[in-house]
Amino acid sequence: MPKFPDIKQALRTQDIEVLTTVVPDFIRDESDGFTQALQQMMYLTANEQYGDGHPTGLVYLDAVRDLSTLYEQDIQDAIPLMEHALRFFCTLELQEWDKDLVGVKPEHFGESVFVGDLSEYVRDGEREKAIEESSKLLRMMDNQFYLVEILTEIAASTNAGDGWPVILADAALKSVDFVESSQFKPIVYQLTDYLSRLNIGWGTGEFKSDPTSPMTFDRYYDLALTSGDENRRELLLLTHTQQVWEGVRMKQGEIRARLAYWFDERFGEFREAGSVEYEPKSAELSDIVSAIRNEEREKALAFVLGYLQNAGGLGILFRGLTDIFLERAIPEDPDDLIHWNALRTAIAYTSPPQQYQAFVRAVEMLMDMGNRE
């Protein structure tokens, strides 16, 4: 029976043959085996070398964590999801953070550290100083969530990187409550590193007069869910932005003000949800699954709408669709799984008609994946 030290060693060496053997057995034998393995993967993935692009691994594993909640009643059923995660994880180039930046130095003892210095270094693009400062703050601050919120405020003040700063900041915020405290430091380093590379600067714009007032996100889903596959990033950014909006705790006003500043401009004017052009037909989950497997697009969509209108269980339906997704997805390509989780989030956050539209997009995505085989 594999033990956790065996899992940790196999993850460090990224040995996919060993991992796909021992991790499933570990999940079957340990009640929290899935969580332990995913926590360690997040810890190591924060060492991702991402070149001139953006770090994808932490966002991908955050999506895996979200999707695993579909299998809470029997986590062993999530083993195919974990196998996808392992195969993607083994494609990443990982390298531990430079100890000259994150290690303890004699001159650090008795040194005063200020969060304002971290903000200044990040905004001015002084990458090495920013990482070193975040390391010192992590050693001195008890509240790690507050440190991530400081970085999230910076991420929320820019629409650069096609929205990835907010997407990555949300994954980091949620990881605070998921990974062990000993595993959290490299996640902060990665967020600091990425934001420092963007040269965000100090521009703030004119904020709304009442940034703490409620924001109605449904109207933005009308756009994101009817714009087609070419605008996948819009839905991804929208779902992560809403989670940041609702998840921040101590810097709520500042972060919401910065999000609200660019949000309307990014997503355009209010637009009514597109009509769903399929006649609902009463169906069971098995009928929906059969229609999708037989590539019967119109029948599958009609069955889904009929199932939903007859008050079928949303979680049960999306789990059934996720099982098909995992059969058709390419593990080494992270975009599909990240987008699939954005659809899950949209379904969780919306109500009809946006919720129906999200399910329609999910079925259409499965049909397209089937056709590309």
Protein backbone atom coordinates (compact mmCIF):
# COMPACT_ATOMS: atom_id res chain seq x y z
CA MET A 1 0.00 0.00 0.00
CA PRO A 2 1.56 3.34 -1.04
CA LYS A 3 2.27 5.91 1.67
CA PHE A 4 2.26 9.69 1.33
CA PRO A 5 6.09 9.95 1.30
CA ASP A 6 6.02 7.66 -1.76
CA ILE A 7 3.51 9.99 -3.44
CA LYS A 8 5.61 13.06 -2.63
CA GLN A 9 8.74 11.48 -4.09
CA ALA A 10 6.98 10.37 -7.28
CA LEU A 11 5.52 13.87 -7.71
CA ARG A 12 8.92 15.50 -7.24
CA THR A 13 10.43 13.33 -9.96
CA GLN A 14 7.29 13.71 -12.16
CA ASP A 15 7.38 9.98 -12.91
CA ILE A 16 4.07 9.48 -14.69
CA GLU A 17 4.30 5.68 -14.83
CA VAL A 18 4.72 5.46 -11.06
CA LEU A 19 2.17 8.18 -10.35
CA THR A 20 -0.64 6.62 -12.38
CA THR A 21 -0.11 3.42 -10.38
CA VAL A 22 0.42 4.59 -6.80
CA VAL A 23 -1.84 7.67 -6.62
CA PRO A 24 -5.09 5.84 -7.53
CA ASP A 25 -4.26 3.17 -4.93
CA PHE A 26 -3.51 5.91 -2.39
CA ILE A 27 -6.92 7.51 -3.06
CA ARG A 28 -8.65 4.16 -2.61
CA ASP A 29 -6.83 3.43 0.66
CA GLU A 30 -6.87 6.88 2.30
CA SER A 31 -10.08 8.84 2.87
CA ASP A 32 -8.26 12.13 2.23
CA GLY A 33 -5.85 10.71 -0.33
CA PHE A 34 -7.21 12.83 -3.19
CA THR A 35 -6.81 16.01 -1.14
CA GLN A 36 -3.28 15.15 0.05
CA ALA A 37 -2.09 14.41 -3.48
CA LEU A 38 -3.67 17.57 -4.90
CA GLN A 39 -2.25 19.75 -2.14
CA GLN A 40 1.27 18.48 -2.87
CA MET A 41 0.76 19.02 -6.60
CA MET A 42 -0.30 22.64 -5.98
CA TYR A 43 2.76 23.18 -3.80
CA LEU A 44 5.10 21.87 -6.49
CA THR A 45 3.25 23.50 -9.38
CA ALA A 46 3.87 26.93 -7.87
CA ASN A 47 7.47 26.34 -9.02
CA GLU A 48 6.33 26.30 -12.66
CA GLN A 49 8.66 27.91 -15.18
CA TYR A 50 6.38 29.68 -17.63
CA GLY A 51 8.72 31.73 -19.78
CA ASP A 52 7.15 34.74 -21.48
CA GLY A 53 3.61 33.40 -21.08
CA HIS A 54 1.59 33.03 -17.92
CA PRO A 55 1.53 30.33 -15.22
CA THR A 56 -1.21 27.81 -16.00
CA GLY A 57 -0.59 24.99 -13.54
CA LEU A 58 -2.08 26.54 -10.41
CA VAL A 59 -5.23 27.63 -12.27
CA TYR A 60 -5.57 24.14 -13.76
CA LEU A 61 -5.24 22.44 -10.37
CA ASP A 62 -7.68 24.93 -8.85
CA ALA A 63 -10.15 23.75 -11.51
CA VAL A 64 -9.42 20.12 -10.57
CA ARG A 65 -10.14 20.95 -6.94
CA ASP A 66 -13.44 22.57 -7.92
CA LEU A 67 -14.50 19.67 -10.14
CA SER A 68 -13.60 17.13 -7.45
CA THR A 69 -16.53 18.47 -5.38
CA LEU A 70 -18.81 16.70 -7.86
CA TYR A 71 -17.50 13.42 -6.44
CA GLU A 72 -17.63 14.21 -2.73
CA GLN A 73 -19.96 11.30 -1.93
CA ASP A 74 -17.47 8.80 -3.34
CA ILE A 75 -14.09 10.39 -4.04
CA GLN A 76 -12.82 7.19 -5.65
CA ASP A 77 -15.01 8.08 -8.62
CA ALA A 78 -12.75 11.13 -9.08
CA ILE A 79 -9.71 8.96 -9.90
CA PRO A 80 -10.07 9.64 -13.68
CA LEU A 81 -9.99 13.36 -12.85
CA MET A 82 -6.83 12.87 -10.82
CA GLU A 83 -5.24 10.87 -13.63
CA HIS A 84 -5.84 13.82 -15.97
CA ALA A 85 -4.27 16.13 -13.41
CA LEU A 86 -1.21 13.89 -13.03
CA ARG A 87 -0.60 13.70 -16.75
CA PHE A 88 -0.83 17.47 -17.08
CA PHE A 89 1.36 17.99 -14.00
CA CYS A 90 4.12 15.88 -15.52
CA THR A 91 4.28 18.18 -18.57
CA LEU A 92 5.26 21.19 -16.43
CA GLU A 93 8.82 22.45 -16.13
CA LEU A 94 9.42 22.91 -12.41
CA GLN A 95 12.31 24.60 -10.64
CA GLU A 96 12.53 25.59 -7.00
CA TRP A 97 12.69 29.28 -6.16
CA ASP A 98 16.13 30.88 -5.87
CA LYS A 99 17.21 30.61 -2.22
CA ASP A 100 19.05 33.93 -2.59
CA LEU A 101 15.62 35.53 -2.99
CA VAL A 102 13.45 33.50 -0.61
CA GLY A 103 15.95 32.26 1.96
CA VAL A 104 16.70 33.76 5.37
CA LYS A 105 19.74 36.05 5.51
CA PRO A 106 21.53 37.38 8.63
CA GLU A 107 20.64 40.97 7.72
CA HIS A 108 16.93 40.11 7.85
CA PHE A 109 16.96 39.70 11.63
CA GLY A 110 15.50 42.79 13.29
CA GLU A 111 14.71 44.35 9.90
CA SER A 112 11.41 46.24 9.54
CA VAL A 113 9.17 45.04 6.73
CA PHE A 114 6.26 46.97 5.22
CA VAL A 115 3.49 45.78 2.91
CA GLY A 116 3.74 49.13 1.10
CA ASP A 117 7.23 48.19 -0.04
CA LEU A 118 5.92 44.97 -1.57
CA SER A 119 3.22 46.88 -3.48
CA GLU A 120 5.78 49.37 -4.72
CA TYR A 121 8.21 46.71 -5.94
CA VAL A 122 5.47 44.74 -7.70
CA ARG A 123 3.90 47.75 -9.41
CA ASP A 124 7.29 49.09 -10.50
CA GLY A 125 8.32 45.72 -11.93
CA GLU A 126 11.23 45.15 -9.53
CA ARG A 127 10.79 41.39 -9.60
CA GLU A 128 13.64 40.20 -7.38
CA LYS A 129 12.99 42.81 -4.70
CA ALA A 130 9.28 41.94 -4.76
CA ILE A 131 9.88 38.20 -4.31
CA GLU A 132 12.37 38.81 -1.51
CA GLU A 133 9.93 41.16 0.21
CA SER A 134 7.06 38.67 -0.06
CA SER A 135 9.33 36.03 1.49
CA LYS A 136 10.10 38.28 4.46
CA LEU A 137 6.43 39.18 4.93
CA LEU A 138 5.44 35.50 4.90
CA ARG A 139 7.83 34.86 7.78
CA MET A 140 6.48 37.76 9.81
CA MET A 141 2.72 37.80 9.09
CA ASP A 142 0.29 35.41 10.72
CA ASN A 143 -2.49 36.24 8.25
CA GLN A 144 -1.40 34.81 4.90
CA PHE A 145 -4.76 35.56 3.34
CA TYR A 146 -4.21 39.29 3.89
CA LEU A 147 -0.89 39.13 2.05
CA VAL A 148 -2.59 37.49 -0.94
CA GLU A 149 -5.31 40.15 -0.83
CA ILE A 150 -2.62 42.84 -1.08
CA LEU A 151 -1.40 41.16 -4.27
CA THR A 152 -4.98 40.66 -5.46
CA GLU A 153 -5.60 44.40 -5.15
CA ILE A 154 -2.69 44.95 -7.53
CA ALA A 155 -3.98 42.23 -9.88
CA ALA A 156 -7.45 43.80 -9.86
CA SER A 157 -6.09 47.16 -10.93
CA THR A 158 -5.07 45.94 -14.38
CA ASN A 159 -6.72 44.35 -17.37
CA ALA A 160 -3.31 43.33 -18.73
CA GLY A 161 -2.46 39.78 -19.65
CA ASP A 162 -5.98 39.21 -20.98
CA GLY A 163 -7.29 39.11 -17.41
CA TRP A 164 -4.86 36.44 -16.20
CA PRO A 165 -3.71 38.48 -13.14
CA VAL A 166 -7.21 38.23 -11.63
CA ILE A 167 -7.57 34.59 -12.67
CA LEU A 168 -4.28 33.63 -11.01
CA ALA A 169 -5.03 35.76 -7.93
CA ASP A 170 -8.33 33.94 -7.44
CA ALA A 171 -6.59 30.56 -7.60
CA ALA A 172 -4.08 31.79 -5.01
CA LEU A 173 -6.80 33.16 -2.72
CA LYS A 174 -8.67 29.86 -2.72
CA SER A 175 -5.48 27.89 -2.13
CA VAL A 176 -5.01 29.64 1.24
CA ASP A 177 -7.84 27.58 2.70
CA PHE A 178 -6.90 24.40 0.82
CA VAL A 179 -3.16 23.71 1.04
CA GLU A 180 -1.27 23.25 4.27
CA SER A 181 0.41 26.39 5.65
CA SER A 182 3.83 24.82 4.99
CA GLN A 183 2.92 24.47 1.30
CA PHE A 184 1.75 28.01 0.72
CA LYS A 185 4.92 30.07 0.29
CA PRO A 186 5.73 29.22 -3.36
CA ILE A 187 2.16 30.09 -4.35
CA VAL A 188 2.74 33.63 -3.05
CA TYR A 189 6.11 33.76 -4.80
CA GLN A 190 4.53 32.78 -8.11
CA LEU A 191 1.77 35.40 -7.88
CA THR A 192 4.35 38.03 -6.89
CA ASP A 193 6.64 37.00 -9.74
CA TYR A 194 3.93 37.10 -12.39
CA LEU A 195 2.50 40.46 -11.35
CA SER A 196 5.99 41.97 -11.17
CA ARG A 197 6.62 41.07 -14.80
CA LEU A 198 3.63 43.10 -16.01
CA ASN A 199 4.90 46.57 -15.05
CA ILE A 200 1.44 47.46 -13.79
CA GLY A 201 2.39 50.88 -12.49
CA TRP A 202 0.28 53.16 -10.33
CA GLY A 203 -2.60 54.25 -12.56
CA THR A 204 -5.91 53.87 -10.73
CA GLY A 205 -8.53 55.71 -12.78
CA GLU A 206 -11.73 57.07 -11.33
CA PHE A 207 -13.41 54.48 -9.14
CA LYS A 208 -17.14 54.17 -8.69
CA SER A 209 -18.45 56.19 -5.79
CA ASP A 210 -19.72 53.15 -3.92
CA PRO A 211 -17.46 50.17 -4.73
CA THR A 212 -19.00 48.04 -1.98
CA SER A 213 -22.47 48.11 -3.56
CA PRO A 214 -23.70 44.79 -4.98
CA MET A 215 -22.80 43.96 -8.56
CA THR A 216 -25.24 41.98 -10.66
CA PHE A 217 -23.15 39.48 -12.56
CA ASP A 218 -26.00 37.73 -14.39
CA ARG A 219 -26.10 40.36 -17.10
CA TYR A 220 -22.43 39.72 -17.92
CA TYR A 221 -23.08 36.00 -18.24
CA ASP A 222 -25.52 36.84 -21.04
CA LEU A 223 -22.52 37.95 -23.08
CA ALA A 224 -19.97 35.37 -21.93
CA LEU A 225 -22.25 32.36 -22.49
CA THR A 226 -23.53 33.34 -25.94
CA SER A 227 -20.30 34.50 -27.55
CA GLY A 228 -19.01 31.10 -28.69
CA ASP A 229 -15.76 29.20 -28.26
CA GLU A 230 -13.71 32.04 -29.69
CA ASN A 231 -14.36 33.99 -26.49
CA ARG A 232 -13.70 31.29 -23.91
CA ARG A 233 -11.45 33.63 -21.95
CA GLU A 234 -14.40 35.97 -21.30
CA LEU A 235 -16.26 33.28 -19.36
CA LEU A 236 -13.10 32.22 -17.53
CA LEU A 237 -12.34 35.79 -16.48
CA LEU A 238 -15.95 36.43 -15.48
CA THR A 239 -16.20 33.38 -13.21
CA HIS A 240 -12.90 34.07 -11.49
CA THR A 241 -13.72 37.76 -11.10
CA GLN A 242 -17.01 36.94 -9.41
CA GLN A 243 -15.23 34.55 -7.05
CA VAL A 244 -12.69 37.25 -6.14
CA TRP A 245 -15.53 39.77 -5.68
CA GLU A 246 -17.36 37.48 -3.28
CA GLY A 247 -14.32 35.87 -1.64
CA VAL A 248 -12.25 38.84 -0.47
CA ARG A 249 -12.43 39.52 3.25
CA MET A 250 -10.26 42.39 4.50
CA LYS A 251 -9.61 44.57 1.45
CA GLN A 252 -13.08 44.22 0.01
CA GLY A 253 -13.64 47.89 -0.81
CA GLU A 254 -10.28 48.44 -2.50
CA ILE A 255 -10.40 45.26 -4.60
CA ARG A 256 -14.02 45.67 -5.65
CA ALA A 257 -13.38 49.29 -6.64
CA ARG A 258 -10.56 48.26 -8.95
CA LEU A 259 -12.55 45.41 -10.49
CA ALA A 260 -15.57 47.63 -11.09
CA TYR A 261 -13.42 50.22 -12.86
CA TRP A 262 -12.62 48.05 -15.88
CA PHE A 263 -15.40 45.47 -15.70
CA ASP A 264 -18.12 47.28 -17.66
CA GLU A 265 -15.67 48.29 -20.35
CA ARG A 266 -14.39 44.73 -20.70
CA PHE A 267 -17.78 43.04 -20.95
CA GLY A 268 -19.75 45.67 -22.81
CA GLU A 269 -23.26 46.92 -22.36
CA PHE A 270 -26.15 44.91 -20.98
CA ARG A 271 -27.52 42.37 -23.41
CA GLU A 272 -30.44 39.99 -23.08
CA ALA A 273 -29.68 36.29 -22.87
CA GLY A 274 -29.89 34.52 -26.17
CA SER A 275 -32.88 32.29 -26.61
CA VAL A 276 -32.32 28.54 -26.48
CA GLU A 277 -33.56 27.23 -29.82
CA TYR A 278 -34.44 23.67 -28.88
CA GLU A 279 -37.79 22.20 -27.91
CA PRO A 280 -37.40 20.59 -24.46
CA LYS A 281 -38.08 16.85 -24.27
CA SER A 282 -38.56 14.99 -21.01
CA ALA A 283 -35.58 12.73 -20.35
CA GLU A 284 -33.51 10.92 -17.75
CA LEU A 285 -29.77 11.33 -17.33
CA SER A 286 -29.20 8.05 -19.16
CA ASP A 287 -31.06 9.43 -22.21
CA ILE A 288 -28.83 12.51 -22.26
CA VAL A 289 -25.65 10.45 -21.96
CA SER A 290 -26.79 8.11 -24.73
CA ALA A 291 -27.61 10.99 -27.09
CA ILE A 292 -24.21 12.60 -26.52
CA ARG A 293 -22.33 9.33 -27.03
CA ASN A 294 -24.29 8.77 -30.26
CA GLU A 295 -23.39 12.32 -31.41
CA GLU A 296 -27.07 13.31 -31.59
CA ARG A 297 -26.62 17.01 -30.91
CA GLU A 298 -30.19 18.29 -31.22
CA LYS A 299 -31.63 15.38 -29.28
CA ALA A 300 -29.05 15.78 -26.51
CA LEU A 301 -29.79 19.50 -26.15
CA ALA A 302 -33.56 18.93 -26.14
CA PHE A 303 -33.13 16.23 -23.48
CA VAL A 304 -30.95 18.49 -21.31
CA LEU A 305 -33.48 21.32 -21.41
CA GLY A 306 -36.33 18.93 -20.65
CA TYR A 307 -34.37 17.45 -17.75
CA LEU A 308 -33.71 20.91 -16.32
CA GLN A 309 -37.27 22.13 -16.71
CA ASN A 310 -38.47 19.03 -14.87
CA ALA A 311 -36.31 20.06 -11.90
CA GLY A 312 -33.60 17.49 -12.47
CA GLY A 313 -30.58 17.66 -10.18
CA LEU A 314 -28.02 20.13 -11.51
CA GLY A 315 -25.06 18.49 -9.78
CA ILE A 316 -26.06 15.01 -10.92
CA LEU A 317 -26.40 16.19 -14.51
CA PHE A 318 -23.10 18.06 -14.58
CA ARG A 319 -21.29 15.14 -13.00
CA GLY A 320 -22.66 12.87 -15.72
CA LEU A 321 -21.46 15.32 -18.36
CA THR A 322 -18.08 15.58 -16.61
CA ASP A 323 -17.60 11.81 -16.84
CA ILE A 324 -17.98 12.11 -20.63
CA PHE A 325 -15.69 15.14 -20.68
CA LEU A 326 -12.91 13.19 -18.95
CA GLU A 327 -13.22 10.44 -21.55
CA ARG A 328 -12.80 12.92 -24.39
CA ALA A 329 -10.37 15.51 -23.00
CA ILE A 330 -6.65 15.51 -23.76
CA PRO A 331 -4.89 15.55 -20.36
CA GLU A 332 -1.84 17.42 -21.62
CA ASP A 333 -4.00 20.30 -22.92
CA PRO A 334 -5.10 22.39 -19.92
CA ASP A 335 -7.46 24.77 -21.71
CA ASP A 336 -10.41 22.39 -22.03
CA LEU A 337 -10.50 21.42 -18.36
CA ILE A 338 -10.08 25.02 -17.19
CA HIS A 339 -12.95 26.09 -19.45
CA TRP A 340 -15.08 23.14 -18.34
CA ASN A 341 -14.72 24.28 -14.75
CA ALA A 342 -15.72 27.81 -15.78
CA LEU A 343 -18.97 26.32 -17.09
CA ARG A 344 -19.44 24.52 -13.76
CA THR A 345 -18.93 27.79 -11.92
CA ALA A 346 -21.35 29.62 -14.21
CA ILE A 347 -24.01 26.99 -13.51
CA ALA A 348 -23.42 27.35 -9.76
CA TYR A 349 -23.67 31.14 -9.83
CA THR A 350 -26.54 31.73 -12.26
CA SER A 351 -30.22 30.93 -12.61
CA PRO A 352 -32.33 30.40 -15.75
CA PRO A 353 -31.98 31.47 -18.53
CA GLN A 354 -28.20 31.88 -18.06
CA GLN A 355 -28.00 28.53 -16.27
CA TYR A 356 -29.70 26.76 -19.17
CA GLN A 357 -27.34 28.47 -21.59
CA ALA A 358 -24.34 27.21 -19.61
CA PHE A 359 -25.59 23.62 -19.90
CA VAL A 360 -26.16 24.12 -23.63
CA ARG A 361 -22.56 25.32 -23.98
CA ALA A 362 -21.36 22.28 -22.01
CA VAL A 363 -23.21 19.84 -24.27
CA GLU A 364 -22.01 21.64 -27.40
CA MET A 365 -18.45 21.46 -26.10
CA LEU A 366 -18.74 17.71 -25.58
CA MET A 367 -20.12 17.24 -29.08
CA ASP A 368 -17.25 19.25 -30.57
CA MET A 369 -14.74 17.21 -28.57
CA GLY A 370 -16.29 14.02 -29.90
CA ASN A 371 -15.96 15.25 -33.47
CA ARG A 372 -12.26 16.03 -33.15
CA GLU A 373 -11.32 12.47 -32.16
